[in-house]
């Protein structure tokens, strides 16, 4: 099966990205009221980059991800930090190599938009065993930090370490990346 990682650059991409995430907003593990969720979903379109993940057969959206440069706490001036606002794959695609390819496409987009990115940061609900199992792999990377704030876990990982962990040369021919 082939996949496409398409950066949102056109109005139709923006609409598809927002529409897909709104359809799945209850599954995003964002423990916020809807208005705040909408802010997290849309901020990559304004302050960073958003990406659609598509299955090439049938040609349909199976995931989306987005990040911003900087953090709201520092008025987005700390652009050496790239904060992932949302990352979602349909459940049927979660136990495949696709996660690794999507991570690499996201990391490549981060660096392409800002070569000075040093840290990747994201937040997760504290009381989710499945997410904790997945994210503990990131937390074990050299230089990674994990902290708990108001029942949310903040993961901060050096970009270089995350990129090294995400690079997998095998089967790269299965994935096409288009801008």
C-alpha atoms as a PDB file:
ATOM      1  CA  UNK A   1       0.000   0.000   0.000  1.00  0.00           C
ATOM      2  CA  UNK A   2       1.314   3.464  -0.890  1.00  0.00           C
ATOM      3  CA  UNK A   3       0.820   6.664   1.037  1.00  0.00           C
ATOM      4  CA  UNK A   4       1.177  10.329   0.266  1.00  0.00           C
ATOM      5  CA  UNK A   5       2.170  13.063   2.705  1.00  0.00           C
ATOM      6  CA  UNK A   6       0.795  16.325   1.343  1.00  0.00           C
ATOM      7  CA  UNK A   7       1.566  19.670   2.921  1.00  0.00           C
ATOM      8  CA  UNK A   8      -1.402  22.005   3.139  1.00  0.00           C
ATOM      9  CA  UNK A   9      -0.707  24.814   0.716  1.00  0.00           C
ATOM     10  CA  UNK A  10      -4.001  25.412  -1.068  1.00  0.00           C
ATOM     11  CA  UNK A  11      -7.432  26.360   0.201  1.00  0.00           C
ATOM     12  CA  UNK A  12      -8.776  22.901  -0.661  1.00  0.00           C
ATOM     13  CA  UNK A  13      -5.999  21.372   1.503  1.00  0.00           C
ATOM     14  CA  UNK A  14      -6.909  23.655   4.415  1.00  0.00           C
ATOM     15  CA  UNK A  15     -10.560  22.675   4.103  1.00  0.00           C
ATOM     16  CA  UNK A  16      -9.737  18.961   3.899  1.00  0.00           C
ATOM     17  CA  UNK A  17      -7.394  19.180   6.897  1.00  0.00           C
ATOM     18  CA  UNK A  18      -9.900  20.999   9.113  1.00  0.00           C
ATOM     19  CA  UNK A  19     -12.838  18.887   7.936  1.00  0.00           C
ATOM     20  CA  UNK A  20     -10.999  15.613   8.614  1.00  0.00           C
ATOM     21  CA  UNK A  21      -9.900  16.690  12.083  1.00  0.00           C
ATOM     22  CA  UNK A  22     -13.332  18.032  12.983  1.00  0.00           C
ATOM     23  CA  UNK A  23     -14.856  14.683  11.998  1.00  0.00           C
ATOM     24  CA  UNK A  24     -12.468  13.009  14.448  1.00  0.00           C
ATOM     25  CA  UNK A  25     -12.162  15.702  17.134  1.00  0.00           C
ATOM     26  CA  UNK A  26     -13.564  13.415  19.850  1.00  0.00           C
ATOM     27  CA  UNK A  27     -10.801  10.868  19.135  1.00  0.00           C
ATOM     28  CA  UNK A  28      -7.887  13.326  19.282  1.00  0.00           C
ATOM     29  CA  UNK A  29      -7.202  12.956  23.016  1.00  0.00           C
ATOM     30  CA  UNK A  30      -7.306  16.725  23.472  1.00  0.00           C
ATOM     31  CA  UNK A  31      -8.805  17.282  26.927  1.00  0.00           C
ATOM     32  CA  UNK A  32     -10.153  20.753  26.186  1.00  0.00           C
ATOM     33  CA  UNK A  33     -13.486  22.387  25.395  1.00  0.00           C
ATOM     34  CA  UNK A  34     -14.325  22.393  21.689  1.00  0.00           C
ATOM     35  CA  UNK A  35     -13.324  26.051  21.120  1.00  0.00           C
ATOM     36  CA  UNK A  36      -9.831  25.400  22.460  1.00  0.00           C
ATOM     37  CA  UNK A  37      -9.558  22.187  20.409  1.00  0.00           C
ATOM     38  CA  UNK A  38     -10.403  24.222  17.310  1.00  0.00           C
ATOM     39  CA  UNK A  39      -7.559  26.589  18.154  1.00  0.00           C
ATOM     40  CA  UNK A  40      -5.073  23.692  18.338  1.00  0.00           C
ATOM     41  CA  UNK A  41      -6.358  22.225  15.073  1.00  0.00           C
ATOM     42  CA  UNK A  42      -6.160  25.479  13.129  1.00  0.00           C
ATOM     43  CA  UNK A  43      -3.002  27.079  14.543  1.00  0.00           C
ATOM     44  CA  UNK A  44      -0.653  25.058  12.279  1.00  0.00           C
ATOM     45  CA  UNK A  45      -2.323  26.655   9.252  1.00  0.00           C
ATOM     46  CA  UNK A  46      -1.322  30.104  10.554  1.00  0.00           C
ATOM     47  CA  UNK A  47       1.823  29.619  12.646  1.00  0.00           C
ATOM     48  CA  UNK A  48       3.464  26.515  11.219  1.00  0.00           C
ATOM     49  CA  UNK A  49       2.592  23.750   8.821  1.00  0.00           C
ATOM     50  CA  UNK A  50      -0.148  21.199   8.412  1.00  0.00           C
ATOM     51  CA  UNK A  51       0.026  17.900   6.565  1.00  0.00           C
ATOM     52  CA  UNK A  52      -2.512  15.456   5.196  1.00  0.00           C
ATOM     53  CA  UNK A  53      -1.773  11.737   5.086  1.00  0.00           C
ATOM     54  CA  UNK A  54      -3.496   9.970   2.212  1.00  0.00           C
ATOM     55  CA  UNK A  55      -3.895   6.377   1.171  1.00  0.00           C
ATOM     56  CA  UNK A  56      -3.322   6.133  -2.549  1.00  0.00           C
ATOM     57  CA  UNK A  57      -5.798   3.282  -3.026  1.00  0.00           C
ATOM     58  CA  UNK A  58      -8.482   4.136  -2.326  1.00  0.00           C
ATOM     59  CA  UNK A  59      -7.428   7.766  -2.519  1.00  0.00           C
ATOM     60  CA  UNK A  60      -8.630   9.090   0.836  1.00  0.00           C
ATOM     61  CA  UNK A  61      -7.406  10.977   3.866  1.00  0.00           C
ATOM     62  CA  UNK A  62      -6.311   8.609   6.619  1.00  0.00           C
ATOM     63  CA  UNK A  63      -4.522  11.061   8.892  1.00  0.00           C
ATOM     64  CA  UNK A  64      -3.389  14.601   9.543  1.00  0.00           C
ATOM     65  CA  UNK A  65      -0.727  16.359  11.556  1.00  0.00           C
ATOM     66  CA  UNK A  66       0.234  19.921  12.279  1.00  0.00           C
ATOM     67  CA  UNK A  67       2.789  21.909  14.222  1.00  0.00           C
ATOM     68  CA  UNK A  68       3.680  25.476  15.092  1.00  0.00           C
ATOM     69  CA  UNK A  69       7.031  27.170  15.436  1.00  0.00           C
ATOM     70  CA  UNK A  70       7.425  28.420  18.979  1.00  0.00           C
ATOM     71  CA  UNK A  71       5.142  28.185  21.983  1.00  0.00           C
ATOM     72  CA  UNK A  72       2.164  30.251  23.036  1.00  0.00           C
ATOM     73  CA  UNK A  73       3.772  30.801  26.441  1.00  0.00           C
ATOM     74  CA  UNK A  74       6.536  32.794  24.712  1.00  0.00           C
ATOM     75  CA  UNK A  75       4.360  34.473  22.050  1.00  0.00           C
ATOM     76  CA  UNK A  76       5.850  32.120  19.433  1.00  0.00           C
ATOM     77  CA  UNK A  77       9.219  33.899  19.606  1.00  0.00           C
ATOM     78  CA  UNK A  78      11.023  30.721  20.719  1.00  0.00           C
ATOM     79  CA  UNK A  79      11.036  29.338  17.180  1.00  0.00           C
ATOM     80  CA  UNK A  80      13.825  26.885  17.974  1.00  0.00           C
ATOM     81  CA  UNK A  81      11.006  24.867  19.587  1.00  0.00           C
ATOM     82  CA  UNK A  82       8.566  23.175  17.271  1.00  0.00           C
ATOM     83  CA  UNK A  83       5.338  22.184  19.016  1.00  0.00           C
ATOM     84  CA  UNK A  84       3.177  19.453  17.519  1.00  0.00           C
ATOM     85  CA  UNK A  85      -0.411  20.602  17.954  1.00  0.00           C
ATOM     86  CA  UNK A  86      -2.173  17.595  16.468  1.00  0.00           C
ATOM     87  CA  UNK A  87      -1.277  14.188  15.025  1.00  0.00           C
ATOM     88  CA  UNK A  88      -3.940  11.663  14.108  1.00  0.00           C
ATOM     89  CA  UNK A  89      -4.090   8.428  12.123  1.00  0.00           C
ATOM     90  CA  UNK A  90      -7.255   6.432  11.605  1.00  0.00           C
ATOM     91  CA  UNK A  91      -7.210   3.380  13.918  1.00  0.00           C
ATOM     92  CA  UNK A  92      -6.812   0.886  11.053  1.00  0.00           C
ATOM     93  CA  UNK A  93      -3.400   2.410  10.186  1.00  0.00           C
ATOM     94  CA  UNK A  94      -1.888   2.734  13.653  1.00  0.00           C
ATOM     95  CA  UNK A  95      -0.152  -0.637  13.887  1.00  0.00           C
ATOM     96  CA  UNK A  96       1.852  -0.235  10.702  1.00  0.00           C
ATOM     97  CA  UNK A  97       5.142   1.317   9.607  1.00  0.00           C
ATOM     98  CA  UNK A  98       3.121   4.341   8.530  1.00  0.00           C
ATOM     99  CA  UNK A  99       3.631   6.048  11.899  1.00  0.00           C
ATOM    100  CA  UNK A 100       7.400   6.107  11.347  1.00  0.00           C
ATOM    101  CA  UNK A 101       7.039   7.452   7.831  1.00  0.00           C
ATOM    102  CA  UNK A 102       4.589  10.110   8.979  1.00  0.00           C
ATOM    103  CA  UNK A 103       6.946  11.121  11.777  1.00  0.00           C
ATOM    104  CA  UNK A 104       9.809  11.479   9.307  1.00  0.00           C
ATOM    105  CA  UNK A 105       7.685  13.542   6.907  1.00  0.00           C
ATOM    106  CA  UNK A 106       6.674  15.804   9.804  1.00  0.00           C
ATOM    107  CA  UNK A 107      10.298  16.209  10.953  1.00  0.00           C
ATOM    108  CA  UNK A 108      11.418  17.010   7.399  1.00  0.00           C
ATOM    109  CA  UNK A 109       8.707  19.680   7.129  1.00  0.00           C
ATOM    110  CA  UNK A 110       9.790  21.196  10.448  1.00  0.00           C
ATOM    111  CA  UNK A 111      13.386  21.599   9.365  1.00  0.00           C
ATOM    112  CA  UNK A 112      12.457  22.793   5.870  1.00  0.00           C
ATOM    113  CA  UNK A 113      10.379  25.596   7.359  1.00  0.00           C
ATOM    114  CA  UNK A 114      12.942  26.521  10.006  1.00  0.00           C
ATOM    115  CA  UNK A 115      16.481  25.105   9.876  1.00  0.00           C
ATOM    116  CA  UNK A 116      17.055  26.394  13.428  1.00  0.00           C
ATOM    117  CA  UNK A 117      14.603  23.951  15.058  1.00  0.00           C
ATOM    118  CA  UNK A 118      16.341  22.297  18.021  1.00  0.00           C
ATOM    119  CA  UNK A 119      13.493  20.825  20.062  1.00  0.00           C
ATOM    120  CA  UNK A 120      10.206  19.077  19.294  1.00  0.00           C
ATOM    121  CA  UNK A 121       7.552  19.432  21.970  1.00  0.00           C
ATOM    122  CA  UNK A 122       4.090  17.949  22.379  1.00  0.00           C
ATOM    123  CA  UNK A 123       1.501  17.422  25.099  1.00  0.00           C
ATOM    124  CA  UNK A 124      -0.513  14.347  25.991  1.00  0.00           C
ATOM    125  CA  UNK A 125      -3.174  13.492  28.579  1.00  0.00           C
ATOM    126  CA  UNK A 126      -1.554  11.963  31.655  1.00  0.00           C
ATOM    127  CA  UNK A 127      -4.076   9.172  32.214  1.00  0.00           C
ATOM    128  CA  UNK A 128      -3.874   7.361  28.851  1.00  0.00           C
ATOM    129  CA  UNK A 129      -1.963   4.074  29.049  1.00  0.00           C
ATOM    130  CA  UNK A 130      -1.843   3.535  25.256  1.00  0.00           C
ATOM    131  CA  UNK A 131      -0.364   6.965  24.607  1.00  0.00           C
ATOM    132  CA  UNK A 132       2.033   6.629  27.519  1.00  0.00           C
ATOM    133  CA  UNK A 133       3.309   3.346  26.060  1.00  0.00           C
ATOM    134  CA  UNK A 134       3.872   4.959  22.659  1.00  0.00           C
ATOM    135  CA  UNK A 135       5.407   8.173  23.964  1.00  0.00           C
ATOM    136  CA  UNK A 136       7.680   6.458  26.474  1.00  0.00           C
ATOM    137  CA  UNK A 137       9.807   5.473  23.469  1.00  0.00           C
ATOM    138  CA  UNK A 138      10.318   9.165  22.719  1.00  0.00           C
ATOM    139  CA  UNK A 139      10.974   9.895  26.378  1.00  0.00           C
ATOM    140  CA  UNK A 140      13.815   7.382  26.422  1.00  0.00           C
ATOM    141  CA  UNK A 141      15.789   9.217  23.721  1.00  0.00           C
ATOM    142  CA  UNK A 142      18.963  11.029  24.834  1.00  0.00           C
ATOM    143  CA  UNK A 143      18.186  14.536  26.106  1.00  0.00           C
ATOM    144  CA  UNK A 144      14.420  13.975  26.174  1.00  0.00           C
ATOM    145  CA  UNK A 145      12.424  15.514  29.000  1.00  0.00           C
ATOM    146  CA  UNK A 146       9.029  14.574  30.380  1.00  0.00           C
ATOM    147  CA  UNK A 147       7.130  16.787  32.805  1.00  0.00           C
ATOM    148  CA  UNK A 148       3.600  16.804  34.166  1.00  0.00           C
ATOM    149  CA  UNK A 149       1.595  20.042  34.268  1.00  0.00           C
ATOM    150  CA  UNK A 150      -2.104  20.095  35.235  1.00  0.00           C
ATOM    151  CA  UNK A 151      -2.733  16.433  34.336  1.00  0.00           C
ATOM    152  CA  UNK A 152      -0.981  16.851  30.983  1.00  0.00           C
ATOM    153  CA  UNK A 153       2.415  15.431  30.095  1.00  0.00           C
ATOM    154  CA  UNK A 154       4.830  17.614  28.159  1.00  0.00           C
ATOM    155  CA  UNK A 155       7.451  15.802  26.116  1.00  0.00           C
ATOM    156  CA  UNK A 156      10.483  17.774  24.902  1.00  0.00           C
ATOM    157  CA  UNK A 157      12.854  15.892  22.622  1.00  0.00           C
ATOM    158  CA  UNK A 158      15.966  17.144  20.855  1.00  0.00           C
ATOM    159  CA  UNK A 159      15.166  17.355  17.143  1.00  0.00           C
ATOM    160  CA  UNK A 160      18.385  15.558  16.152  1.00  0.00           C
ATOM    161  CA  UNK A 161      17.621  12.584  18.413  1.00  0.00           C
ATOM    162  CA  UNK A 162      14.051  12.291  17.183  1.00  0.00           C
ATOM    163  CA  UNK A 163      15.208  12.482  13.588  1.00  0.00           C
ATOM    164  CA  UNK A 164      17.811   9.762  14.150  1.00  0.00           C
ATOM    165  CA  UNK A 165      15.211   7.514  15.764  1.00  0.00           C
ATOM    166  CA  UNK A 166      12.719   8.183  12.960  1.00  0.00           C
ATOM    167  CA  UNK A 167      15.011   7.412  10.033  1.00  0.00           C
ATOM    168  CA  UNK A 168      14.365   3.973   8.620  1.00  0.00           C
ATOM    169  CA  UNK A 169      15.843   3.384   5.188  1.00  0.00           C
ATOM    170  CA  UNK A 170      13.987   0.135   4.523  1.00  0.00           C
ATOM    171  CA  UNK A 171      10.819   0.407   2.469  1.00  0.00           C
ATOM    172  CA  UNK A 172      11.214   4.165   1.794  1.00  0.00           C
ATOM    173  CA  UNK A 173      10.125   3.438  -1.781  1.00  0.00           C
ATOM    174  CA  UNK A 174       6.594   2.745  -0.491  1.00  0.00           C
ATOM    175  CA  UNK A 175       6.097   6.339   0.558  1.00  0.00           C
ATOM    176  CA  UNK A 176       5.844   9.392  -1.639  1.00  0.00           C
ATOM    177  CA  UNK A 177       6.133  12.865  -0.229  1.00  0.00           C
ATOM    178  CA  UNK A 178       4.598  15.714  -2.170  1.00  0.00           C
ATOM    179  CA  UNK A 179       4.487  19.370  -1.356  1.00  0.00           C
END
